[in-house]
PDB file of N, CA and C in Angstrom:
ATOM      1  N   MET A   1     -60.892  74.986   0.818  1.00  0.00           N
ATOM      2  CA  MET A   1     -61.704  73.921   0.229  1.00  0.00           C
ATOM      3  C   MET A   1     -62.340  74.517  -1.040  1.00  0.00           C
ATOM      4  N   VAL A   2     -62.160  73.857  -2.140  1.00  0.00           N
ATOM      5  CA  VAL A   2     -62.705  74.309  -3.418  1.00  0.00           C
ATOM      6  C   VAL A   2     -63.869  73.362  -3.760  1.00  0.00           C
ATOM      7  N   PHE A   3     -65.001  73.964  -4.156  1.00  0.00           N
ATOM      8  CA  PHE A   3     -66.138  73.199  -4.569  1.00  0.00           C
ATOM      9  C   PHE A   3     -66.760  73.874  -5.789  1.00  0.00           C
ATOM     10  N   GLU A   4     -67.765  73.235  -6.352  1.00  0.00           N
ATOM     11  CA  GLU A   4     -68.401  73.744  -7.597  1.00  0.00           C
ATOM     12  C   GLU A   4     -68.795  75.213  -7.514  1.00  0.00           C
ATOM     13  N   GLY A   5     -69.285  75.636  -6.334  1.00  0.00           N
ATOM     14  CA  GLY A   5     -69.795  76.998  -6.221  1.00  0.00           C
ATOM     15  C   GLY A   5     -68.762  78.026  -5.798  1.00  0.00           C
ATOM     16  N   GLY A   6     -67.519  77.628  -5.568  1.00  0.00           N
ATOM     17  CA  GLY A   6     -66.520  78.593  -5.171  1.00  0.00           C
ATOM     18  C   GLY A   6     -65.457  77.984  -4.276  1.00  0.00           C
ATOM     19  N   GLU A   7     -65.107  78.749  -3.252  1.00  0.00           N
ATOM     20  CA  GLU A   7     -64.002  78.320  -2.376  1.00  0.00           C
ATOM     21  C   GLU A   7     -64.321  78.800  -0.937  1.00  0.00           C
ATOM     22  N   ILE A   8     -64.044  77.921   0.020  1.00  0.00           N
ATOM     23  CA  ILE A   8     -64.193  78.281   1.438  1.00  0.00           C
ATOM     24  C   ILE A   8     -62.834  78.084   2.079  1.00  0.00           C
ATOM     25  N   ALA A   9     -62.345  79.157   2.715  1.00  0.00           N
ATOM     26  CA  ALA A   9     -61.031  79.102   3.371  1.00  0.00           C
ATOM     27  C   ALA A   9     -61.194  78.407   4.732  1.00  0.00           C
ATOM     28  N   LEU A  10     -60.505  77.275   4.909  1.00  0.00           N
ATOM     29  CA  LEU A  10     -60.563  76.557   6.149  1.00  0.00           C
ATOM     30  C   LEU A  10     -59.179  76.655   6.808  1.00  0.00           C
ATOM     31  N   GLY A  11     -59.164  76.893   8.070  1.00  0.00           N
ATOM     32  CA  GLY A  11     -57.921  76.985   8.813  1.00  0.00           C
ATOM     33  C   GLY A  11     -57.680  75.727   9.634  1.00  0.00           C
ATOM     34  N   ALA A  12     -57.652  75.902  10.922  1.00  0.00           N
ATOM     35  CA  ALA A  12     -57.406  74.806  11.857  1.00  0.00           C
ATOM     36  C   ALA A  12     -58.433  73.750  11.840  1.00  0.00           C
ATOM     37  N   THR A  13     -59.628  74.030  11.336  1.00  0.00           N
ATOM     38  CA  THR A  13     -60.734  73.036  11.331  1.00  0.00           C
ATOM     39  C   THR A  13     -60.630  72.039  10.178  1.00  0.00           C
ATOM     40  N   TYR A  14     -59.660  72.221   9.302  1.00  0.00           N
ATOM     41  CA  TYR A  14     -59.565  71.374   8.089  1.00  0.00           C
ATOM     42  C   TYR A  14     -59.649  69.868   8.432  1.00  0.00           C
ATOM     43  N   PRO A  15     -58.876  69.370   9.338  1.00  0.00           N
ATOM     44  CA  PRO A  15     -58.931  67.893   9.593  1.00  0.00           C
ATOM     45  C   PRO A  15     -60.338  67.464  10.060  1.00  0.00           C
ATOM     46  N   THR A  16     -61.001  68.265  10.809  1.00  0.00           N
ATOM     47  CA  THR A  16     -62.339  67.937  11.274  1.00  0.00           C
ATOM     48  C   THR A  16     -63.334  67.975  10.129  1.00  0.00           C
ATOM     49  N   ILE A  17     -63.231  69.017   9.278  1.00  0.00           N
ATOM     50  CA  ILE A  17     -64.134  69.139   8.115  1.00  0.00           C
ATOM     51  C   ILE A  17     -63.907  67.981   7.189  1.00  0.00           C
ATOM     52  N   GLU A  18     -62.645  67.602   6.952  1.00  0.00           N
ATOM     53  CA  GLU A  18     -62.375  66.450   6.111  1.00  0.00           C
ATOM     54  C   GLU A  18     -63.082  65.218   6.648  1.00  0.00           C
ATOM     55  N   TRP A  19     -63.036  64.987   7.970  1.00  0.00           N
ATOM     56  CA  TRP A  19     -63.710  63.863   8.584  1.00  0.00           C
ATOM     57  C   TRP A  19     -65.228  63.975   8.376  1.00  0.00           C
ATOM     58  N   ILE A  20     -65.792  65.170   8.622  1.00  0.00           N
ATOM     59  CA  ILE A  20     -67.248  65.396   8.487  1.00  0.00           C
ATOM     60  C   ILE A  20     -67.732  65.039   7.094  1.00  0.00           C
ATOM     61  N   LEU A  21     -66.968  65.361   6.080  1.00  0.00           N
ATOM     62  CA  LEU A  21     -67.411  65.145   4.709  1.00  0.00           C
ATOM     63  C   LEU A  21     -67.423  63.626   4.370  1.00  0.00           C
ATOM     64  N   ARG A  22     -66.877  62.809   5.215  1.00  0.00           N
ATOM     65  CA  ARG A  22     -66.907  61.354   4.997  1.00  0.00           C
ATOM     66  C   ARG A  22     -68.052  60.699   5.828  1.00  0.00           C
ATOM     67  N   GLN A  23     -68.785  61.511   6.586  1.00  0.00           N
ATOM     68  CA  GLN A  23     -69.780  60.963   7.477  1.00  0.00           C
ATOM     69  C   GLN A  23     -71.180  61.101   6.839  1.00  0.00           C
ATOM     70  N   ARG A  24     -72.060  60.183   7.215  1.00  0.00           N
ATOM     71  CA  ARG A  24     -73.451  60.321   6.767  1.00  0.00           C
ATOM     72  C   ARG A  24     -74.207  61.237   7.736  1.00  0.00           C
ATOM     73  N   LEU A  25     -73.952  61.041   9.049  1.00  0.00           N
ATOM     74  CA  LEU A  25     -74.499  61.878  10.078  1.00  0.00           C
ATOM     75  C   LEU A  25     -73.438  62.163  11.112  1.00  0.00           C
ATOM     76  N   PHE A  26     -73.524  63.324  11.734  1.00  0.00           N
ATOM     77  CA  PHE A  26     -72.582  63.682  12.816  1.00  0.00           C
ATOM     78  C   PHE A  26     -73.237  64.783  13.619  1.00  0.00           C
ATOM     79  N   SER A  27     -72.737  64.956  14.857  1.00  0.00           N
ATOM     80  CA  SER A  27     -73.217  66.061  15.661  1.00  0.00           C
ATOM     81  C   SER A  27     -72.047  67.029  15.863  1.00  0.00           C
ATOM     82  N   LEU A  28     -72.312  68.213  16.320  1.00  0.00           N
ATOM     83  CA  LEU A  28     -71.274  69.179  16.621  1.00  0.00           C
ATOM     84  C   LEU A  28     -70.318  68.622  17.687  1.00  0.00           C
ATOM     85  N   ASP A  29     -70.896  67.924  18.648  1.00  0.00           N
ATOM     86  CA  ASP A  29     -70.084  67.300  19.705  1.00  0.00           C
ATOM     87  C   ASP A  29     -69.159  66.203  19.131  1.00  0.00           C
ATOM     88  N   ASP A  30     -69.681  65.397  18.198  1.00  0.00           N
ATOM     89  CA  ASP A  30     -68.852  64.374  17.529  1.00  0.00           C
ATOM     90  C   ASP A  30     -67.712  65.034  16.784  1.00  0.00           C
ATOM     91  N   ALA A  31     -68.004  66.087  16.074  1.00  0.00           N
ATOM     92  CA  ALA A  31     -66.975  66.769  15.259  1.00  0.00           C
ATOM     93  C   ALA A  31     -65.947  67.425  16.176  1.00  0.00           C
ATOM     94  N   ALA A  32     -66.380  68.057  17.247  1.00  0.00           N
ATOM     95  CA  ALA A  32     -65.441  68.742  18.149  1.00  0.00           C
ATOM     96  C   ALA A  32     -64.550  67.700  18.880  1.00  0.00           C
ATOM     97  N   ALA A  33     -65.063  66.530  19.138  1.00  0.00           N
ATOM     98  CA  ALA A  33     -64.299  65.499  19.809  1.00  0.00           C
ATOM     99  C   ALA A  33     -63.178  64.924  18.927  1.00  0.00           C
ATOM    100  N   ARG A  34     -63.384  65.026  17.604  1.00  0.00           N
ATOM    101  CA  ARG A  34     -62.370  64.511  16.661  1.00  0.00           C
ATOM    102  C   ARG A  34     -61.090  65.305  16.720  1.00  0.00           C
ATOM    103  N   GLN A  35     -61.188  66.581  17.086  1.00  0.00           N
ATOM    104  CA  GLN A  35     -60.034  67.461  17.122  1.00  0.00           C
ATOM    105  C   GLN A  35     -60.240  68.408  18.350  1.00  0.00           C
ATOM    106  N   SER A  36     -59.844  67.934  19.513  1.00  0.00           N
ATOM    107  CA  SER A  36     -60.156  68.645  20.738  1.00  0.00           C
ATOM    108  C   SER A  36     -59.499  70.008  20.797  1.00  0.00           C
ATOM    109  N   SER A  37     -58.439  70.238  20.047  1.00  0.00           N
ATOM    110  CA  SER A  37     -57.742  71.536  20.079  1.00  0.00           C
ATOM    111  C   SER A  37     -58.421  72.581  19.222  1.00  0.00           C
ATOM    112  N   VAL A  38     -59.388  72.207  18.424  1.00  0.00           N
ATOM    113  CA  VAL A  38     -60.045  73.160  17.520  1.00  0.00           C
ATOM    114  C   VAL A  38     -60.972  74.104  18.325  1.00  0.00           C
ATOM    115  N   ASN A  39     -60.996  75.334  17.922  1.00  0.00           N
ATOM    116  CA  ASN A  39     -61.880  76.331  18.511  1.00  0.00           C
ATOM    117  C   ASN A  39     -63.300  76.023  18.095  1.00  0.00           C
ATOM    118  N   ARG A  40     -64.177  75.764  19.057  1.00  0.00           N
ATOM    119  CA  ARG A  40     -65.543  75.363  18.771  1.00  0.00           C
ATOM    120  C   ARG A  40     -66.304  76.422  17.991  1.00  0.00           C
ATOM    121  N   ALA A  41     -66.050  77.733  18.261  1.00  0.00           N
ATOM    122  CA  ALA A  41     -66.741  78.755  17.547  1.00  0.00           C
ATOM    123  C   ALA A  41     -66.271  78.793  16.076  1.00  0.00           C
ATOM    124  N   GLU A  42     -64.977  78.533  15.856  1.00  0.00           N
ATOM    125  CA  GLU A  42     -64.460  78.462  14.492  1.00  0.00           C
ATOM    126  C   GLU A  42     -65.078  77.310  13.736  1.00  0.00           C
ATOM    127  N   LEU A  43     -65.205  76.154  14.431  1.00  0.00           N
ATOM    128  CA  LEU A  43     -65.794  74.974  13.778  1.00  0.00           C
ATOM    129  C   LEU A  43     -67.252  75.267  13.431  1.00  0.00           C
ATOM    130  N   ARG A  44     -67.986  75.889  14.350  1.00  0.00           N
ATOM    131  CA  ARG A  44     -69.397  76.189  14.124  1.00  0.00           C
ATOM    132  C   ARG A  44     -69.521  77.147  12.895  1.00  0.00           C
ATOM    133  N   ARG A  45     -68.614  78.145  12.808  1.00  0.00           N
ATOM    134  CA  ARG A  45     -68.606  79.107  11.701  1.00  0.00           C
ATOM    135  C   ARG A  45     -68.392  78.333  10.373  1.00  0.00           C
ATOM    136  N   ASP A  46     -67.405  77.420  10.359  1.00  0.00           N
ATOM    137  CA  ASP A  46     -67.114  76.709   9.137  1.00  0.00           C
ATOM    138  C   ASP A  46     -68.269  75.779   8.757  1.00  0.00           C
ATOM    139  N   LEU A  47     -68.937  75.196   9.719  1.00  0.00           N
ATOM    140  CA  LEU A  47     -70.091  74.370   9.443  1.00  0.00           C
ATOM    141  C   LEU A  47     -71.213  75.216   8.854  1.00  0.00           C
ATOM    142  N   GLU A  48     -71.380  76.432   9.361  1.00  0.00           N
ATOM    143  CA  GLU A  48     -72.408  77.333   8.800  1.00  0.00           C
ATOM    144  C   GLU A  48     -72.061  77.675   7.359  1.00  0.00           C
ATOM    145  N   LEU A  49     -70.788  77.922   7.035  1.00  0.00           N
ATOM    146  CA  LEU A  49     -70.399  78.206   5.653  1.00  0.00           C
ATOM    147  C   LEU A  49     -70.704  76.993   4.772  1.00  0.00           C
ATOM    148  N   LEU A  50     -70.363  75.796   5.223  1.00  0.00           N
ATOM    149  CA  LEU A  50     -70.644  74.598   4.455  1.00  0.00           C
ATOM    150  C   LEU A  50     -72.123  74.373   4.230  1.00  0.00           C
ATOM    151  N   THR A  51     -72.920  74.714   5.240  1.00  0.00           N
ATOM    152  CA  THR A  51     -74.359  74.552   5.126  1.00  0.00           C
ATOM    153  C   THR A  51     -74.931  75.589   4.090  1.00  0.00           C
ATOM    154  N   ARG A  52     -74.483  76.826   4.189  1.00  0.00           N
ATOM    155  CA  ARG A  52     -74.945  77.851   3.246  1.00  0.00           C
ATOM    156  C   ARG A  52     -74.526  77.537   1.794  1.00  0.00           C
ATOM    157  N   ALA A  53     -73.377  76.844   1.668  1.00  0.00           N
ATOM    158  CA  ALA A  53     -72.889  76.490   0.339  1.00  0.00           C
ATOM    159  C   ALA A  53     -73.611  75.236  -0.205  1.00  0.00           C
ATOM    160  N   GLY A  54     -74.400  74.575   0.648  1.00  0.00           N
ATOM    161  CA  GLY A  54     -75.122  73.391   0.242  1.00  0.00           C
ATOM    162  C   GLY A  54     -74.273  72.126   0.235  1.00  0.00           C
ATOM    163  N   ILE A  55     -73.117  72.194   0.922  1.00  0.00           N
ATOM    164  CA  ILE A  55     -72.269  70.992   0.973  1.00  0.00           C
ATOM    165  C   ILE A  55     -72.707  70.024   2.037  1.00  0.00           C
ATOM    166  N   ILE A  56     -73.223  70.537   3.155  1.00  0.00           N
ATOM    167  CA  ILE A  56     -73.801  69.695   4.205  1.00  0.00           C
ATOM    168  C   ILE A  56     -75.217  70.240   4.469  1.00  0.00           C
ATOM    169  N   VAL A  57     -76.040  69.416   5.067  1.00  0.00           N
ATOM    170  CA  VAL A  57     -77.420  69.791   5.367  1.00  0.00           C
ATOM    171  C   VAL A  57     -77.638  69.557   6.851  1.00  0.00           C
ATOM    172  N   GLU A  58     -78.172  70.523   7.514  1.00  0.00           N
ATOM    173  CA  GLU A  58     -78.506  70.402   8.923  1.00  0.00           C
ATOM    174  C   GLU A  58     -79.809  69.627   9.097  1.00  0.00           C
ATOM    175  N   THR A  59     -79.812  68.678  10.012  1.00  0.00           N
ATOM    176  CA  THR A  59     -81.003  67.866  10.296  1.00  0.00           C
ATOM    177  C   THR A  59     -81.173  67.767  11.783  1.00  0.00           C
ATOM    178  N   GLU A  60     -82.301  67.302  12.235  1.00  0.00           N
ATOM    179  CA  GLU A  60     -82.535  67.039  13.647  1.00  0.00           C
ATOM    180  C   GLU A  60     -82.706  65.567  13.837  1.00  0.00           C
ATOM    181  N   MET A  61     -82.156  65.056  14.930  1.00  0.00           N
ATOM    182  CA  MET A  61     -82.322  63.636  15.264  1.00  0.00           C
ATOM    183  C   MET A  61     -83.748  63.350  15.646  1.00  0.00           C
ATOM    184  N   GLN A  62     -84.273  62.269  15.138  1.00  0.00           N
ATOM    185  CA  GLN A  62     -85.607  61.817  15.553  1.00  0.00           C
ATOM    186  C   GLN A  62     -85.508  60.939  16.769  1.00  0.00           C
ATOM    187  N   GLN A  63     -86.460  61.110  17.663  1.00  0.00           N
ATOM    188  CA  GLN A  63     -86.413  60.351  18.922  1.00  0.00           C
ATOM    189  C   GLN A  63     -87.106  59.013  18.733  1.00  0.00           C
TER     190      GLN A  63
END
């Protein structure tokens, strides 16, 4: 994935990350359910990379 600040190498999580980038809000469970074969630890790592790059922002759901 190439973005203004550089490049992030995505492997098997690419289809899920592509879906995430089209969402306004999502949970890790939502993302993992989109691609059940993806390694959850790899997905979490890629989400952390996207967060550090400022591409996505982590929020907490309000009750």
